[in-house]
N, C-alpha and C. Protein backbone atom coordinates (compact mmCIF):
# COMPACT_ATOMS: atom_id res chain seq x y z
N UNK A 1 -23.09 -48.28 26.36
CA UNK A 1 -21.49 -48.36 26.86
C UNK A 1 -21.61 -49.36 28.19
N UNK A 2 -20.60 -50.07 27.84
CA UNK A 2 -20.32 -50.76 29.14
C UNK A 2 -19.50 -51.39 29.97
N UNK A 3 -19.16 -51.50 30.77
CA UNK A 3 -17.94 -52.13 31.28
C UNK A 3 -17.86 -53.44 31.23
N UNK A 4 -16.80 -53.74 30.65
CA UNK A 4 -16.38 -55.49 29.77
C UNK A 4 -15.28 -56.07 31.42
N UNK A 5 -14.97 -55.60 32.15
CA UNK A 5 -14.39 -56.51 33.34
C UNK A 5 -13.42 -55.44 34.13
N UNK A 6 -13.56 -56.00 35.93
CA UNK A 6 -12.68 -55.22 36.36
C UNK A 6 -11.43 -56.22 36.62
N UNK A 7 -10.32 -55.34 36.72
CA UNK A 7 -9.46 -55.86 37.23
C UNK A 7 -8.92 -56.82 37.88
N UNK A 8 -8.27 -57.47 38.64
CA UNK A 8 -7.59 -57.90 40.04
C UNK A 8 -7.41 -57.04 41.14
N UNK A 9 -6.68 -56.07 40.81
CA UNK A 9 -6.23 -54.93 41.40
C UNK A 9 -7.01 -53.29 40.95
N UNK A 10 -7.95 -52.92 41.07
CA UNK A 10 -8.66 -51.99 40.69
C UNK A 10 -8.96 -51.14 41.76
N UNK A 11 -8.73 -49.50 41.28
CA UNK A 11 -8.71 -48.88 42.36
C UNK A 11 -10.04 -47.69 41.97
N UNK A 12 -10.46 -47.48 43.31
CA UNK A 12 -11.42 -46.49 43.16
C UNK A 12 -11.19 -44.41 43.08
N UNK A 13 -11.26 -43.98 42.70
CA UNK A 13 -10.45 -42.78 42.57
C UNK A 13 -11.67 -41.45 42.31
N UNK A 14 -11.75 -40.59 43.71
CA UNK A 14 -12.97 -40.34 44.30
C UNK A 14 -12.08 -39.00 44.03
N UNK A 15 -12.67 -37.84 43.42
CA UNK A 15 -12.41 -36.70 42.68
C UNK A 15 -12.80 -35.26 43.37
N UNK A 16 -12.61 -35.03 44.21
CA UNK A 16 -13.27 -33.33 44.79
C UNK A 16 -14.39 -33.49 45.56
N UNK A 17 -14.42 -34.06 45.70
CA UNK A 17 -15.93 -34.66 47.18
C UNK A 17 -15.97 -33.84 48.47
N UNK A 18 -15.41 -32.54 48.28
CA UNK A 18 -15.62 -31.54 49.17
C UNK A 18 -15.87 -30.33 49.51
N UNK A 19 -15.85 -29.52 50.32
CA UNK A 19 -16.72 -28.75 50.85
C UNK A 19 -16.88 -27.14 50.10
N UNK A 20 -15.74 -26.67 49.42
CA UNK A 20 -15.73 -25.76 48.47
C UNK A 20 -16.46 -26.29 47.11
N UNK A 21 -16.28 -27.98 46.61
CA UNK A 21 -16.73 -28.36 45.31
C UNK A 21 -18.20 -28.58 45.07
N UNK A 22 -18.36 -29.65 46.05
CA UNK A 22 -19.85 -29.99 46.32
C UNK A 22 -20.87 -29.00 45.95
N UNK A 23 -20.96 -27.84 46.42
CA UNK A 23 -21.63 -26.74 46.99
C UNK A 23 -21.51 -26.09 44.92
N UNK A 24 -20.98 -26.14 44.29
CA UNK A 24 -21.11 -25.56 42.78
C UNK A 24 -22.01 -26.31 41.59
N UNK A 25 -21.83 -27.50 41.56
CA UNK A 25 -22.92 -27.89 40.47
C UNK A 25 -24.43 -27.66 41.05
N UNK A 26 -25.25 -27.92 39.78
CA UNK A 26 -26.77 -27.92 40.59
C UNK A 26 -26.87 -29.22 41.44
N UNK A 27 -27.57 -28.41 42.74
CA UNK A 27 -27.52 -29.34 44.36
C UNK A 27 -27.89 -30.65 43.67
N UNK A 28 -29.09 -31.12 43.15
CA UNK A 28 -29.69 -32.03 43.31
C UNK A 28 -28.49 -33.25 42.13
N UNK A 29 -27.88 -32.72 41.69
CA UNK A 29 -26.47 -33.63 40.88
C UNK A 29 -25.35 -34.05 41.57
N UNK A 30 -25.34 -32.74 42.84
CA UNK A 30 -23.92 -33.39 43.53
C UNK A 30 -24.57 -34.18 44.29
N UNK A 31 -25.93 -33.89 44.96
CA UNK A 31 -26.38 -35.17 46.04
C UNK A 31 -26.35 -36.06 45.22
N UNK A 32 -26.73 -36.47 43.77
CA UNK A 32 -26.83 -37.80 43.54
C UNK A 32 -25.39 -38.59 43.23
N UNK A 33 -24.46 -37.53 42.82
CA UNK A 33 -22.71 -37.53 42.91
C UNK A 33 -22.39 -38.58 44.43
N UNK A 34 -22.47 -37.99 45.26
CA UNK A 34 -22.03 -38.11 46.37
C UNK A 34 -22.77 -39.49 46.68
N UNK A 35 -24.19 -39.43 46.93
CA UNK A 35 -25.06 -41.17 47.10
C UNK A 35 -24.03 -42.19 46.81
N UNK A 36 -23.72 -41.70 45.24
CA UNK A 36 -23.39 -43.11 44.42
C UNK A 36 -21.70 -43.23 45.06
N UNK A 37 -21.37 -41.98 45.19
CA UNK A 37 -20.27 -42.55 45.03
C UNK A 37 -19.53 -43.07 46.58
N UNK A 38 -20.62 -42.84 47.47
CA UNK A 38 -20.67 -43.22 48.69
C UNK A 38 -20.76 -45.18 48.68
N UNK A 39 -21.77 -45.45 47.98
CA UNK A 39 -21.87 -46.76 47.66
C UNK A 39 -20.56 -47.36 47.32
N UNK A 40 -20.03 -46.84 45.93
CA UNK A 40 -18.96 -47.72 45.56
C UNK A 40 -17.97 -47.57 46.59
N UNK A 41 -17.38 -46.16 47.60
CA UNK A 41 -16.40 -46.16 48.24
C UNK A 41 -16.81 -47.85 49.11
N UNK A 42 -17.73 -47.43 49.67
CA UNK A 42 -18.32 -48.91 50.44
C UNK A 42 -17.97 -49.90 50.09
N UNK A 43 -18.02 -50.28 48.95
CA UNK A 43 -18.40 -51.75 47.86
C UNK A 43 -16.58 -51.89 47.80
N UNK A 44 -15.90 -50.95 47.65
CA UNK A 44 -14.97 -50.65 47.27
C UNK A 44 -13.86 -51.57 48.57
N UNK A 45 -14.57 -50.81 49.93
CA UNK A 45 -14.07 -51.53 51.15
C UNK A 45 -14.47 -52.56 51.24
N UNK A 46 -15.61 -53.10 50.74
CA UNK A 46 -15.72 -54.32 51.39
C UNK A 46 -14.97 -55.35 50.34
N UNK A 47 -14.67 -55.01 49.14
CA UNK A 47 -14.29 -56.12 48.62
C UNK A 47 -12.35 -56.31 48.60
N UNK A 48 -12.08 -55.14 49.83
CA UNK A 48 -9.97 -54.52 49.84
C UNK A 48 -9.37 -54.38 48.80
N UNK A 49 -10.20 -53.43 48.04
CA UNK A 49 -9.55 -52.61 46.85
C UNK A 49 -9.07 -51.22 47.13
N UNK A 50 -8.24 -50.65 46.62
CA UNK A 50 -7.79 -48.80 47.08
C UNK A 50 -8.81 -47.92 46.96
N UNK A 51 -9.28 -47.41 47.41
CA UNK A 51 -9.99 -46.16 47.92
C UNK A 51 -8.72 -44.88 47.66
N UNK A 52 -8.61 -44.05 46.75
CA UNK A 52 -8.26 -43.02 46.52
C UNK A 52 -9.02 -41.83 46.52
N UNK A 53 -8.68 -40.89 47.98
CA UNK A 53 -9.74 -39.94 48.26
C UNK A 53 -9.05 -38.19 47.44
N UNK A 54 -9.76 -38.07 46.82
CA UNK A 54 -8.74 -36.89 46.18
C UNK A 54 -9.09 -35.20 46.70
N UNK A 55 -8.68 -34.40 47.05
CA UNK A 55 -8.92 -33.03 46.75
C UNK A 55 -7.91 -32.56 46.02
N UNK A 56 -8.86 -31.26 46.06
CA UNK A 56 -7.61 -29.88 45.29
C UNK A 56 -7.58 -28.97 46.51
N UNK A 57 -6.13 -28.18 46.38
CA UNK A 57 -5.60 -27.10 47.14
C UNK A 57 -5.11 -26.04 46.68
N UNK A 58 -5.72 -25.16 45.73
CA UNK A 58 -4.63 -24.20 45.22
C UNK A 58 -5.39 -24.60 43.96
N UNK A 59 -4.17 -24.12 42.94
CA UNK A 59 -4.99 -24.27 41.27
C UNK A 59 -3.06 -23.70 41.08
N UNK A 60 -3.08 -24.75 39.17
CA UNK A 60 -2.11 -23.83 38.41
C UNK A 60 -1.64 -22.77 38.46
N UNK A 61 -0.25 -22.64 38.35
CA UNK A 61 -0.64 -20.97 38.19
C UNK A 61 -0.63 -19.98 36.94
N UNK A 62 -0.49 -20.75 35.88
CA UNK A 62 -0.79 -20.12 34.54
C UNK A 62 -2.40 -19.38 34.22
N UNK A 63 -1.95 -18.37 33.33
CA UNK A 63 -2.87 -17.37 32.62
C UNK A 63 -4.13 -18.36 32.44
N UNK A 64 -4.96 -17.81 32.16
CA UNK A 64 -6.17 -18.51 31.29
C UNK A 64 -7.12 -17.43 30.82
N UNK A 65 -8.12 -17.56 30.07
CA UNK A 65 -8.80 -16.11 29.55
C UNK A 65 -10.07 -16.08 30.73
N UNK A 66 -10.16 -17.00 31.44
CA UNK A 66 -11.35 -16.65 32.01
C UNK A 66 -10.54 -16.51 33.62
N UNK A 67 -11.40 -15.29 34.38
CA UNK A 67 -10.94 -14.36 34.72
C UNK A 67 -10.79 -15.94 36.94
N UNK A 68 -10.08 -16.09 37.14
CA UNK A 68 -9.96 -16.36 38.66
C UNK A 68 -10.64 -15.77 39.35
N UNK A 69 -11.43 -16.52 40.23
CA UNK A 69 -12.63 -15.80 41.30
C UNK A 69 -11.58 -15.17 42.28
N UNK A 70 -10.22 -15.04 42.63
CA UNK A 70 -10.06 -14.38 43.78
C UNK A 70 -10.21 -14.73 44.79
N UNK A 71 -10.00 -13.68 45.74
CA UNK A 71 -10.57 -13.89 46.73
C UNK A 71 -9.88 -14.99 47.99
N UNK A 72 -10.57 -14.86 49.10
CA UNK A 72 -9.58 -16.09 50.22
C UNK A 72 -11.12 -16.86 50.26
N UNK A 73 -10.46 -18.05 50.13
CA UNK A 73 -11.16 -19.39 50.14
C UNK A 73 -12.12 -19.49 52.03
N UNK A 74 -12.99 -20.11 52.14
CA UNK A 74 -13.47 -20.43 53.12
C UNK A 74 -12.09 -21.82 53.77
N UNK A 75 -11.74 -21.15 55.20
CA UNK A 75 -11.18 -21.91 55.37
C UNK A 75 -11.32 -23.75 55.35
N UNK A 76 -12.92 -24.05 55.33
CA UNK A 76 -12.99 -25.40 54.86
C UNK A 76 -12.97 -26.31 53.70
N UNK A 77 -12.57 -25.10 52.74
CA UNK A 77 -13.42 -25.28 51.09
C UNK A 77 -12.53 -26.34 50.98
N UNK A 78 -11.12 -26.87 51.38
CA UNK A 78 -10.80 -28.37 50.65
C UNK A 78 -10.75 -29.44 51.30
N UNK A 79 -11.33 -28.91 52.44
CA UNK A 79 -11.85 -30.58 53.35
C UNK A 79 -12.79 -31.64 52.61
N UNK A 80 -12.48 -32.67 52.95
CA UNK A 80 -13.24 -33.97 52.02
C UNK A 80 -14.57 -33.50 53.07
N UNK A 81 -15.75 -34.02 52.47
CA UNK A 81 -16.65 -33.85 52.86
C UNK A 81 -17.11 -34.93 53.71
N UNK A 82 -17.45 -34.66 54.74
CA UNK A 82 -17.93 -36.00 56.00
C UNK A 82 -18.33 -36.78 55.83
N UNK A 83 -19.38 -36.56 54.27
CA UNK A 83 -19.79 -38.15 54.95
C UNK A 83 -19.32 -39.26 54.11
N UNK A 84 -18.41 -39.16 53.53
CA UNK A 84 -17.32 -39.80 52.75
C UNK A 84 -16.58 -41.03 53.77
N UNK A 85 -16.91 -42.47 53.42
CA UNK A 85 -16.89 -43.21 54.44
C UNK A 85 -15.20 -43.26 54.51
N UNK A 86 -14.35 -43.72 55.40
CA UNK A 86 -12.61 -43.65 54.88
C UNK A 86 -12.31 -44.81 55.78
N UNK A 87 -11.25 -45.30 55.27
CA UNK A 87 -10.07 -46.30 56.03
C UNK A 87 -8.80 -45.32 56.54
N UNK A 88 -8.23 -46.71 57.17
CA UNK A 88 -6.94 -45.90 57.22
C UNK A 88 -6.15 -46.41 56.01
N UNK A 89 -6.53 -47.37 55.10
CA UNK A 89 -5.68 -48.27 54.17
C UNK A 89 -6.34 -46.90 52.80
N UNK A 90 -6.99 -46.44 52.94
CA UNK A 90 -7.56 -45.73 52.40
C UNK A 90 -5.77 -44.38 51.54
N UNK A 91 -5.88 -44.47 50.27
CA UNK A 91 -4.57 -43.02 49.99
C UNK A 91 -5.27 -41.35 49.88
N UNK A 92 -4.70 -40.94 50.57
CA UNK A 92 -5.27 -39.46 50.58
C UNK A 92 -4.05 -38.31 49.33
N UNK A 93 -5.41 -38.17 48.47
CA UNK A 93 -3.92 -37.49 47.74
C UNK A 93 -4.90 -35.73 47.85
N UNK A 94 -3.71 -34.72 48.24
CA UNK A 94 -4.45 -33.46 47.70
C UNK A 94 -3.33 -32.71 46.80
N UNK A 95 -4.49 -31.84 45.76
CA UNK A 95 -3.59 -31.77 44.21
C UNK A 95 -3.43 -30.38 44.24
N UNK A 96 -2.64 -29.91 43.04
CA UNK A 96 -3.41 -28.42 43.08
C UNK A 96 -3.28 -27.71 41.79
N UNK A 97 -3.74 -28.77 41.34
CA UNK A 97 -4.54 -28.56 39.57
C UNK A 97 -5.73 -29.56 39.71
N UNK A 98 -5.76 -30.01 38.03
CA UNK A 98 -7.03 -30.34 37.92
C UNK A 98 -6.66 -32.17 38.17
N UNK A 99 -5.72 -32.52 37.68
CA UNK A 99 -5.21 -33.91 37.36
C UNK A 99 -5.16 -34.57 38.66
N UNK A 100 -5.45 -35.32 39.12
CA UNK A 100 -4.97 -35.99 40.45
C UNK A 100 -3.37 -36.60 40.22
N UNK A 101 -3.26 -37.12 38.79
CA UNK A 101 -1.86 -38.09 38.98
C UNK A 101 -0.10 -36.77 39.00
N UNK A 102 -0.61 -35.29 38.42
CA UNK A 102 0.58 -34.73 37.89
C UNK A 102 1.04 -33.65 39.68
N UNK A 103 2.49 -33.72 39.74
CA UNK A 103 2.90 -33.50 41.07
C UNK A 103 2.30 -33.62 42.37
N UNK A 104 1.64 -35.16 42.01
CA UNK A 104 1.28 -35.97 43.23
C UNK A 104 2.27 -37.29 43.27
N UNK A 105 2.17 -38.07 43.46
CA UNK A 105 3.11 -39.85 44.27
C UNK A 105 1.73 -40.25 43.59
N UNK A 106 0.65 -40.18 43.32
CA UNK A 106 -0.23 -41.33 43.35
C UNK A 106 -0.34 -42.28 42.13
N UNK A 107 0.33 -41.87 41.30
CA UNK A 107 1.19 -42.87 40.08
C UNK A 107 1.91 -43.94 41.04
N UNK A 108 2.87 -43.41 41.87
CA UNK A 108 4.16 -44.41 42.67
C UNK A 108 2.87 -45.22 43.47
N UNK A 109 2.03 -44.95 44.50
CA UNK A 109 0.86 -45.42 44.88
C UNK A 109 0.65 -46.59 44.84
N UNK A 110 -0.08 -46.22 43.32
CA UNK A 110 -0.70 -47.23 42.85
C UNK A 110 0.19 -48.31 42.28
N UNK A 111 0.83 -48.19 41.47
CA UNK A 111 1.97 -48.84 41.23
C UNK A 111 2.11 -49.96 42.02
N UNK A 112 3.16 -49.29 43.26
CA UNK A 112 3.41 -50.17 44.15
C UNK A 112 2.17 -51.31 44.37
N UNK A 113 1.02 -50.72 44.57
CA UNK A 113 -0.06 -51.84 45.13
C UNK A 113 -0.59 -52.91 43.76
N UNK A 114 -0.02 -52.94 42.85
CA UNK A 114 0.10 -53.37 41.75
C UNK A 114 -1.48 -53.23 41.19
N UNK A 115 -2.43 -52.06 41.59
CA UNK A 115 -3.37 -51.43 40.76
C UNK A 115 -2.47 -51.28 39.00
N UNK A 116 -3.84 -51.63 38.05
CA UNK A 116 -3.80 -51.61 36.85
C UNK A 116 -4.88 -51.18 36.30
N UNK A 117 -6.30 -50.44 36.66
CA UNK A 117 -7.07 -50.61 36.49
C UNK A 117 -7.82 -49.27 37.51
N UNK A 118 -8.36 -47.82 37.52
CA UNK A 118 -8.70 -47.01 37.72
C UNK A 118 -10.53 -47.06 37.23
N UNK A 119 -11.20 -46.72 37.88
CA UNK A 119 -12.08 -46.29 38.17
C UNK A 119 -12.48 -45.13 38.58
N UNK A 120 -13.19 -43.84 38.15
CA UNK A 120 -12.96 -42.42 38.23
C UNK A 120 -14.03 -42.13 37.99
N UNK A 121 -14.53 -41.00 39.66
CA UNK A 121 -15.56 -40.71 40.07
C UNK A 121 -15.47 -39.36 40.57
N UNK A 122 -16.64 -38.51 40.65
CA UNK A 122 -16.38 -37.05 41.35
C UNK A 122 -16.98 -36.57 40.57
N UNK A 123 -16.54 -34.40 41.08
CA UNK A 123 -16.89 -33.41 40.51
C UNK A 123 -15.69 -32.81 40.22
N UNK A 124 -15.12 -32.32 39.24
CA UNK A 124 -16.53 -31.57 37.64
C UNK A 124 -15.83 -32.98 37.12
N UNK A 125 -17.18 -33.30 36.14
CA UNK A 125 -16.40 -34.62 34.79
C UNK A 125 -15.40 -33.60 33.98
N UNK A 126 -15.76 -32.61 33.88
CA UNK A 126 -14.84 -32.25 32.08
C UNK A 126 -13.72 -31.60 33.14
N UNK A 127 -13.66 -31.29 34.37
CA UNK A 127 -11.70 -30.79 35.09
C UNK A 127 -11.48 -31.96 35.51
N UNK A 128 -11.58 -32.07 37.21
CA UNK A 128 -10.53 -32.98 37.66
C UNK A 128 -11.16 -34.46 37.54
N UNK A 129 -12.18 -35.05 37.13
CA UNK A 129 -12.63 -36.09 36.69
C UNK A 129 -11.79 -36.41 35.06
N UNK A 130 -11.87 -35.44 34.43
CA UNK A 130 -11.73 -36.30 32.88
C UNK A 130 -10.09 -35.63 32.99
N UNK A 131 -9.36 -34.56 33.40
CA UNK A 131 -7.63 -34.82 33.43
C UNK A 131 -7.54 -35.69 34.32
N UNK A 132 -7.68 -36.40 35.51
CA UNK A 132 -7.78 -37.76 35.75
C UNK A 132 -7.33 -38.56 35.15
N UNK A 133 -8.89 -39.09 34.18
CA UNK A 133 -8.72 -40.02 33.18
C UNK A 133 -7.85 -39.99 32.31
N UNK A 134 -7.70 -38.86 31.36
CA UNK A 134 -6.68 -38.20 30.80
C UNK A 134 -5.20 -39.27 31.10
N UNK A 135 -4.55 -38.36 32.26
CA UNK A 135 -3.42 -39.36 32.92
C UNK A 135 -3.46 -40.69 33.07
N UNK A 136 -4.55 -40.94 33.38
CA UNK A 136 -4.50 -42.49 34.03
C UNK A 136 -3.92 -43.10 33.05
N UNK A 137 -5.22 -43.07 31.49
CA UNK A 137 -4.89 -43.71 30.58
C UNK A 137 -3.87 -43.80 29.55
N UNK A 138 -2.70 -42.64 29.52
CA UNK A 138 -1.65 -41.83 29.36
C UNK A 138 -0.24 -42.74 30.30
N UNK A 139 -0.91 -43.02 31.31
CA UNK A 139 -0.05 -44.15 32.02
C UNK A 139 -0.21 -45.54 31.94
N UNK A 140 -1.35 -45.28 31.31
CA UNK A 140 -1.34 -47.13 31.06
C UNK A 140 -2.20 -48.08 31.51
N UNK A 141 -3.47 -47.12 32.67
CA UNK A 141 -4.29 -47.71 33.06
C UNK A 141 -5.49 -48.16 32.38
N UNK A 142 -5.81 -49.32 32.57
CA UNK A 142 -6.94 -49.39 31.97
C UNK A 142 -8.51 -48.42 32.82
N UNK A 143 -9.07 -47.70 32.15
CA UNK A 143 -10.19 -46.67 32.81
C UNK A 143 -11.47 -46.91 32.81
N UNK A 144 -11.68 -46.57 33.75
CA UNK A 144 -13.36 -46.88 33.79
C UNK A 144 -13.93 -45.84 34.55
N UNK A 145 -14.95 -45.15 34.29
CA UNK A 145 -15.77 -43.63 34.02
C UNK A 145 -17.12 -43.91 34.47
N UNK A 146 -17.95 -43.77 35.90
CA UNK A 146 -19.05 -43.68 36.36
C UNK A 146 -20.27 -42.61 36.19
N UNK A 147 -21.04 -42.65 34.94
CA UNK A 147 -21.90 -41.80 34.40
C UNK A 147 -22.47 -40.93 35.63
N UNK A 148 -23.08 -41.72 36.42
CA UNK A 148 -23.77 -41.47 37.18
C UNK A 148 -23.68 -41.27 38.89
N UNK A 149 -21.74 -41.35 38.80
CA UNK A 149 -21.59 -40.73 39.75
C UNK A 149 -20.36 -39.90 39.54
N UNK A 150 -20.98 -38.77 38.54
CA UNK A 150 -19.59 -37.69 38.60
C UNK A 150 -21.15 -36.24 38.37
N UNK A 151 -20.73 -35.18 38.24
CA UNK A 151 -21.50 -34.39 37.87
C UNK A 151 -20.27 -33.01 37.12
N UNK A 152 -21.26 -32.04 36.90
CA UNK A 152 -20.26 -30.45 36.55
C UNK A 152 -21.27 -29.28 36.49
N UNK A 153 -20.79 -28.67 36.81
CA UNK A 153 -20.93 -27.36 36.98
C UNK A 153 -22.06 -26.99 35.75
N UNK A 154 -21.68 -27.94 34.68
CA UNK A 154 -22.41 -27.13 33.58
C UNK A 154 -22.54 -28.68 32.91
N UNK A 155 -24.00 -28.70 32.03
CA UNK A 155 -24.39 -30.32 32.14
C UNK A 155 -23.62 -30.05 30.58
N UNK A 156 -23.32 -28.87 30.27
CA UNK A 156 -23.08 -29.34 28.26
C UNK A 156 -22.05 -29.78 28.71
N UNK A 157 -21.41 -29.65 29.43
CA UNK A 157 -19.78 -30.06 29.68
C UNK A 157 -19.40 -31.49 30.15
N UNK A 158 -20.59 -31.76 31.02
CA UNK A 158 -20.59 -32.91 31.53
C UNK A 158 -20.55 -34.33 30.29
N UNK A 159 -21.45 -33.43 29.83
CA UNK A 159 -22.63 -34.51 28.00
C UNK A 159 -21.07 -34.71 27.23
N UNK A 160 -20.21 -33.97 27.28
CA UNK A 160 -18.93 -33.44 26.18
C UNK A 160 -18.25 -34.65 26.80
N UNK A 161 -18.02 -34.48 27.66
CA UNK A 161 -17.21 -35.23 28.93
C UNK A 161 -17.13 -37.08 28.42
N UNK A 162 -18.67 -36.89 28.90
CA UNK A 162 -19.05 -38.40 28.49
C UNK A 162 -19.92 -38.81 27.12
N UNK A 163 -20.01 -38.21 26.62
CA UNK A 163 -19.80 -38.32 24.66
C UNK A 163 -19.14 -38.74 23.83
N UNK A 164 -18.40 -37.40 24.38
CA UNK A 164 -17.01 -37.60 23.60
C UNK A 164 -15.95 -37.38 23.82
N UNK A 165 -15.58 -37.53 24.83
CA UNK A 165 -14.12 -37.51 25.25
C UNK A 165 -13.76 -39.14 25.87
N UNK A 166 -14.50 -39.30 26.97
CA UNK A 166 -14.53 -40.71 27.74
C UNK A 166 -14.23 -41.76 27.08
N UNK A 167 -15.54 -41.83 25.88
CA UNK A 167 -15.13 -43.07 25.02
C UNK A 167 -13.87 -43.52 24.74
N UNK A 168 -13.11 -42.60 24.35
CA UNK A 168 -11.27 -42.80 24.37
C UNK A 168 -10.49 -43.31 25.25
N UNK A 169 -11.20 -42.75 26.07
CA UNK A 169 -10.28 -42.94 27.32
C UNK A 169 -10.60 -44.59 28.24
N UNK A 170 -11.38 -45.18 27.74
CA UNK A 170 -11.57 -45.79 29.25
C UNK A 170 -13.29 -46.44 28.75
N UNK A 171 -13.61 -47.39 29.79
CA UNK A 171 -15.17 -47.80 29.72
C UNK A 171 -16.09 -46.52 30.48
N UNK A 172 -17.53 -46.64 30.42
CA UNK A 172 -18.58 -45.62 30.79
C UNK A 172 -19.18 -46.84 31.73
N UNK A 173 -19.97 -46.90 32.67
CA UNK A 173 -20.97 -47.14 33.38
C UNK A 173 -21.65 -47.00 34.21
N UNK A 174 -22.50 -47.69 34.74
CA UNK A 174 -23.03 -46.73 35.83
C UNK A 174 -22.31 -47.76 37.32
N UNK A 175 -23.25 -47.27 38.09
CA UNK A 175 -22.78 -47.32 39.40
C UNK A 175 -23.47 -48.54 39.96
N UNK A 176 -24.94 -49.39 39.36
CA UNK A 176 -25.21 -50.15 39.90
C UNK A 176 -24.56 -51.52 39.06
N UNK A 177 -23.85 -51.03 37.73
CA UNK A 177 -22.87 -52.24 36.73
C UNK A 177 -21.86 -52.22 37.23
N UNK A 178 -21.73 -50.91 38.03
CA UNK A 178 -20.02 -51.65 39.07
C UNK A 178 -20.38 -52.47 39.99
N UNK A 179 -21.30 -52.13 40.36
CA UNK A 179 -21.79 -52.62 41.73
C UNK A 179 -21.44 -54.54 41.56
N UNK A 180 -22.13 -54.61 40.58
CA UNK A 180 -22.40 -55.74 40.22
C UNK A 180 -21.53 -56.72 40.00
N UNK A 181 -20.32 -55.63 39.14
CA UNK A 181 -19.22 -56.63 39.14
C UNK A 181 -18.07 -56.66 40.28
N UNK A 182 -18.54 -56.03 40.94
CA UNK A 182 -17.83 -56.11 42.10
C UNK A 182 -17.93 -57.07 42.83
N UNK A 183 -19.21 -57.32 43.00
CA UNK A 183 -19.89 -58.33 43.94
C UNK A 183 -19.98 -60.18 43.12
N UNK A 184 -19.62 -60.10 41.97
CA UNK A 184 -18.94 -61.60 41.58
C UNK A 184 -18.02 -62.04 42.20
């Protein structure tokens, strides 16, 4: 698996690196996801490429077989983690479901900026990352997924997304591979 190229207008889409989410996966996996995502954010900022920081506040209203946890969430649950580098030019998206395109203006903002490719990273691989990648692919973006800049509460689900789903949605690479392409 490899990234063949980056389009001239490529946006980094960082999914749900927020206070209430980063504590869910195995701690070491979340820590590595954060470190690698920060490297990518800094590189995209240096190249003046768009950075999209996404958080989730709420959830889709439909019924599911798994019960919702219920209860009140901590006040800072949806806050992006402080470690994330930010610029005024970053696009901030708050979603109320898994994917970052549904019921948000993300597609319109990316189209206005001339973006043709998205790089998706974050937590959780099988939920927010995969849903955003699926939606981006369906909207016509070239999609890149950075395996070592994402994680999931279930490592089996992470592996299934990376090996079974992502090859049909885009190209899969590593943080170092992407950094090498950005610096060409």
